[in-house]
Protein backbone atom coordinates (compact mmCIF):
# COMPACT_ATOMS: atom_id res chain seq x y z
CA UNK A 1 -0.02 0.00 0.12
CA UNK A 2 2.69 2.37 0.81
CA UNK A 3 4.36 1.69 -2.43
CA UNK A 4 1.10 2.24 -4.30
CA UNK A 5 0.78 5.89 -2.52
CA UNK A 6 4.68 6.61 -3.37
CA UNK A 7 3.59 5.88 -7.24
CA UNK A 8 0.68 7.91 -6.91
CA UNK A 9 2.38 10.93 -5.58
CA UNK A 10 5.32 10.42 -8.05
CA UNK A 11 2.79 10.41 -11.09
CA UNK A 12 0.67 13.51 -9.44
CA UNK A 13 3.86 15.47 -9.22
CA UNK A 14 5.37 14.59 -12.46
CA UNK A 15 2.43 14.32 -14.80
CA UNK A 16 1.80 18.21 -14.80
CA UNK A 17 5.60 18.63 -15.35
CA UNK A 18 5.48 16.25 -18.35
CA UNK A 19 2.40 17.59 -20.00
CA UNK A 20 3.98 21.18 -19.74
CA UNK A 21 7.37 19.80 -20.94
CA UNK A 22 5.66 17.76 -24.11
CA UNK A 23 3.63 21.00 -25.09
CA UNK A 24 6.79 22.92 -25.16
CA UNK A 25 9.68 23.52 -27.72
CA UNK A 26 12.44 23.20 -24.97
CA UNK A 27 13.12 19.39 -25.97
CA UNK A 28 13.74 20.37 -29.65
CA UNK A 29 15.73 23.40 -28.76
CA UNK A 30 18.04 21.85 -26.10
CA UNK A 31 18.04 18.27 -26.76
CA UNK A 32 17.72 17.54 -22.99
CA UNK A 33 15.34 14.55 -22.11
CA UNK A 34 12.45 14.88 -19.79
CA UNK A 35 13.77 13.15 -16.74
CA UNK A 36 17.26 15.23 -17.20
CA UNK A 37 15.16 18.31 -17.28
CA UNK A 38 13.15 17.80 -14.36
CA UNK A 39 15.59 16.40 -11.94
CA UNK A 40 18.41 18.51 -12.66
CA UNK A 41 17.71 21.65 -10.81
CA UNK A 42 19.61 23.97 -13.29
CA UNK A 43 18.06 22.50 -16.36
CA UNK A 44 14.64 22.82 -14.74
CA UNK A 45 14.95 26.39 -14.12
CA UNK A 46 16.15 27.09 -17.75
CA UNK A 47 13.05 25.10 -18.86
CA UNK A 48 10.87 27.10 -16.60
CA UNK A 49 12.16 30.20 -18.15
CA UNK A 50 12.02 28.91 -21.57
CA UNK A 51 8.52 27.94 -21.29
CA UNK A 52 7.31 31.59 -20.02
CA UNK A 53 9.24 33.37 -23.04
CA UNK A 54 7.16 30.90 -25.37
CA UNK A 55 4.20 32.70 -24.37
CA UNK A 56 4.84 35.91 -25.73
CA UNK A 57 3.31 37.42 -28.64
CA UNK A 58 4.99 38.68 -31.62
CA UNK A 59 7.74 37.40 -34.08
CA UNK A 60 10.70 36.32 -31.88
CA UNK A 61 13.28 33.65 -31.97
CA UNK A 62 14.31 31.39 -28.81
CA UNK A 63 17.59 29.40 -28.35
CA UNK A 64 18.99 27.58 -25.37
CA UNK A 65 22.38 26.00 -24.16
CA UNK A 66 24.60 27.91 -26.64
CA UNK A 67 28.50 27.04 -26.40
CA UNK A 68 29.65 30.29 -27.61
CA UNK A 69 33.28 30.24 -28.49
CA UNK A 70 35.72 33.01 -26.84
CA UNK A 71 38.79 34.61 -28.28
CA UNK A 72 40.94 32.41 -25.88
CA UNK A 73 40.01 29.09 -27.41
CA UNK A 74 37.57 28.33 -24.73
CA UNK A 75 34.00 28.62 -24.51
CA UNK A 76 31.09 30.29 -22.78
CA UNK A 77 27.69 28.61 -22.05
CA UNK A 78 24.51 30.81 -22.34
CA UNK A 79 21.42 29.56 -20.85
CA UNK A 80 19.08 31.31 -23.00
CA UNK A 81 18.64 33.90 -25.71
CA UNK A 82 15.53 35.49 -27.29
CA UNK A 83 15.97 37.24 -30.47
CA UNK A 84 13.52 39.76 -31.15
CA UNK A 85 13.02 43.56 -33.07
CA UNK A 86 13.90 45.25 -30.03
CA UNK A 87 17.59 43.36 -29.69
CA UNK A 88 19.05 40.34 -28.36
CA UNK A 89 18.06 39.28 -24.76
CA UNK A 90 20.33 37.02 -22.73
CA UNK A 91 19.17 35.34 -19.94
CA UNK A 92 21.19 33.81 -17.29
CA UNK A 93 19.10 31.45 -14.99
CA UNK A 94 19.60 31.08 -11.24
CA UNK A 95 17.32 28.45 -9.92
CA UNK A 96 18.39 29.32 -6.21
CA UNK A 97 16.39 29.42 -2.76
CA UNK A 98 16.98 31.33 0.11
CA UNK A 99 18.20 35.12 0.38
CA UNK A 100 20.28 36.65 -2.30
CA UNK A 101 22.37 39.43 -1.84
CA UNK A 102 24.61 41.05 -4.54
CA UNK A 103 25.75 44.31 -6.12
CA UNK A 104 26.68 44.73 -9.95
CA UNK A 105 29.94 46.19 -8.71
CA UNK A 106 31.22 43.26 -6.24
CA UNK A 107 32.73 40.16 -7.79
CA UNK A 108 30.81 37.66 -5.81
CA UNK A 109 27.35 37.57 -4.56
CA UNK A 110 25.60 35.69 -1.30
CA UNK A 111 22.94 33.11 -0.89
CA UNK A 112 21.76 32.74 2.66
CA UNK A 113 19.74 29.60 3.60
CA UNK A 114 17.24 29.18 6.50
CA UNK A 115 19.53 27.00 8.20
CA UNK A 116 22.13 30.09 8.23
CA UNK A 117 24.50 28.42 5.59
CA UNK A 118 25.79 30.99 3.25
CA UNK A 119 27.13 30.11 -0.16
CA UNK A 120 29.31 32.65 -2.42
CA UNK A 121 28.63 32.57 -6.28
CA UNK A 122 30.27 34.44 -9.01
CA UNK A 123 28.60 37.72 -10.07
CA UNK A 124 25.79 36.66 -12.38
CA UNK A 125 25.80 40.34 -14.14
CA UNK A 126 29.48 39.93 -14.83
CA UNK A 127 28.89 36.29 -15.98
CA UNK A 128 26.23 37.57 -18.50
CA UNK A 129 28.25 40.36 -19.63
CA UNK A 130 30.99 37.87 -20.56
CA UNK A 131 28.44 36.01 -22.63
CA UNK A 132 27.15 39.17 -23.99
CA UNK A 133 30.89 40.21 -25.13
CA UNK A 134 31.53 36.63 -26.82
CA UNK A 135 28.24 36.98 -28.57
CA UNK A 136 29.21 40.59 -30.01
CA UNK A 137 32.21 38.71 -31.45
CA UNK A 138 30.34 36.09 -33.32
CA UNK A 139 27.49 37.96 -34.45
CA UNK A 140 29.67 40.98 -35.68
CA UNK A 141 27.75 43.55 -33.93
CA UNK A 142 29.50 45.53 -31.15
CA UNK A 143 26.33 47.76 -30.25
CA UNK A 144 25.73 47.83 -26.57
CA UNK A 145 22.09 48.94 -27.09
CA UNK A 146 21.32 45.69 -29.11
CA UNK A 147 21.88 43.48 -26.06
CA UNK A 148 19.52 43.05 -22.76
CA UNK A 149 20.80 41.26 -19.78
CA UNK A 150 18.40 39.55 -17.66
CA UNK A 151 19.33 37.65 -14.42
CA UNK A 152 16.54 35.33 -13.47
CA UNK A 153 16.31 33.91 -10.20
CA UNK A 154 13.82 31.30 -8.94
CA UNK A 155 10.41 32.31 -7.32
CA UNK A 156 11.44 30.18 -4.16
CA UNK A 157 14.30 32.82 -3.33
CA UNK A 158 13.88 36.40 -1.88
CA UNK A 159 16.04 39.03 -3.54
CA UNK A 160 17.09 41.06 -0.26
CA UNK A 161 19.68 43.72 -1.29
CA UNK A 162 20.51 43.87 -5.10
CA UNK A 163 22.19 46.84 -6.40
CA UNK A 164 22.19 47.17 -10.22
CA UNK A 165 22.84 50.46 -12.07
CA UNK A 166 23.22 49.58 -15.73
CA UNK A 167 20.12 50.37 -17.76
CA UNK A 168 20.31 47.22 -20.04
CA UNK A 169 20.58 44.69 -16.98
CA UNK A 170 17.87 43.31 -15.03
CA UNK A 171 17.75 41.07 -11.96
CA UNK A 172 14.43 39.52 -11.39
CA UNK A 173 12.49 36.76 -10.04
CA UNK A 174 11.05 34.33 -12.69
CA UNK A 175 7.35 35.23 -11.46
CA UNK A 176 8.04 38.75 -12.98
CA UNK A 177 9.82 37.65 -16.23
CA UNK A 178 6.78 38.01 -18.57
CA UNK A 179 5.78 41.58 -16.93
CA UNK A 180 9.67 42.90 -17.27
CA UNK A 181 10.18 41.39 -20.92
CA UNK A 182 6.73 42.73 -22.22
CA UNK A 183 7.52 46.10 -20.98
CA UNK A 184 11.13 45.95 -22.75
CA UNK A 185 9.56 44.93 -25.91
CA UNK A 186 6.74 47.39 -25.96
CA UNK A 187 9.09 50.49 -24.74
CA UNK A 188 12.27 49.85 -26.85
CA UNK A 189 13.03 51.04 -30.36
CA UNK A 190 12.91 48.27 -33.04
CA UNK A 191 16.30 48.04 -34.30
CA UNK A 192 16.53 44.81 -36.12
CA UNK A 193 14.45 43.94 -39.17
CA UNK A 194 13.09 40.46 -39.40
CA UNK A 195 15.63 39.20 -41.91
CA UNK A 196 18.32 40.26 -39.56
CA UNK A 197 16.83 38.47 -36.90
CA UNK A 198 16.78 35.35 -38.83
CA UNK A 199 20.40 35.86 -39.94
CA UNK A 200 21.64 36.01 -36.37
CA UNK A 201 19.62 32.88 -35.55
CA UNK A 202 21.11 30.89 -38.23
CA UNK A 203 24.56 31.98 -37.15
CA UNK A 204 24.14 31.10 -33.82
CA UNK A 205 22.07 27.61 -34.29
CA UNK A 206 25.73 26.00 -35.08
CA UNK A 207 26.33 26.62 -31.43
CA UNK A 208 23.46 24.74 -29.86
CA UNK A 209 22.81 21.14 -29.58
CA UNK A 210 26.66 20.51 -29.51
CA UNK A 211 28.28 17.41 -28.83
CA UNK A 212 29.24 15.61 -25.74
CA UNK A 213 32.92 16.15 -26.22
CA UNK A 214 32.31 19.82 -26.68
CA UNK A 215 30.27 19.99 -23.43
CA UNK A 216 33.13 18.02 -21.52
CA UNK A 217 35.73 20.39 -22.66
CA UNK A 218 33.75 23.39 -21.58
CA UNK A 219 33.32 21.58 -17.93
CA UNK A 220 37.00 20.78 -17.75
CA UNK A 221 37.76 24.41 -18.80
CA UNK A 222 35.87 25.80 -16.05
CA UNK A 223 37.17 23.41 -13.40
CA UNK A 224 40.78 24.10 -14.49
CA UNK A 225 39.77 27.91 -14.02
CA UNK A 226 38.39 27.27 -10.60
CA UNK A 227 41.59 25.49 -9.50
CA UNK A 228 43.86 28.25 -10.62
CA UNK A 229 41.64 30.75 -8.78
CA UNK A 230 42.24 28.55 -5.55
CA UNK A 231 45.85 28.29 -5.97
């Protein structure tokens, strides 16, 4: 009987997620299967953000899990990109809980959990700035007004003291994503015509759905950089 209850609970929790996943284009865009999506906190956060952006009206292109080459020969991984007439929206997903403290000018931000544990993590605004820098190179468009940086945190967290000064940077929770994105789309000037949007999309498509070996090389590069920071 206990096993039956566990199975029922499992189905009740997973079924709505499966329906949402199957109705989304996330699988085709990312290549990530259902169970690897819902049981990986990072992947699931990206999926939830992607799924919300799918609901936006108007012509736009969504891309996820891009491995963009950098000038030093390594790659940078971008969670999500939306290409629209008003620019290229670059999303960094942080599926964190707890209290979040951070400033655009500080190298590290802090996650404070209910058990009083505190975790430091690299400034996501700087992280996304690096993503945008790499994008400028491969797109061949060095226009700051073209790019909009969105740092998306989980609904499960509380943004306590976040200080951001740059105009094209937003740090928000996922439940406010559509509100801010719609406002940006409505109030920003249209700087890309449809053909240019398609050209950018085709150019960036080569960096999606990459091989397992390239992903592993990216992971190894990050580990090496972290080790060098420690030593």
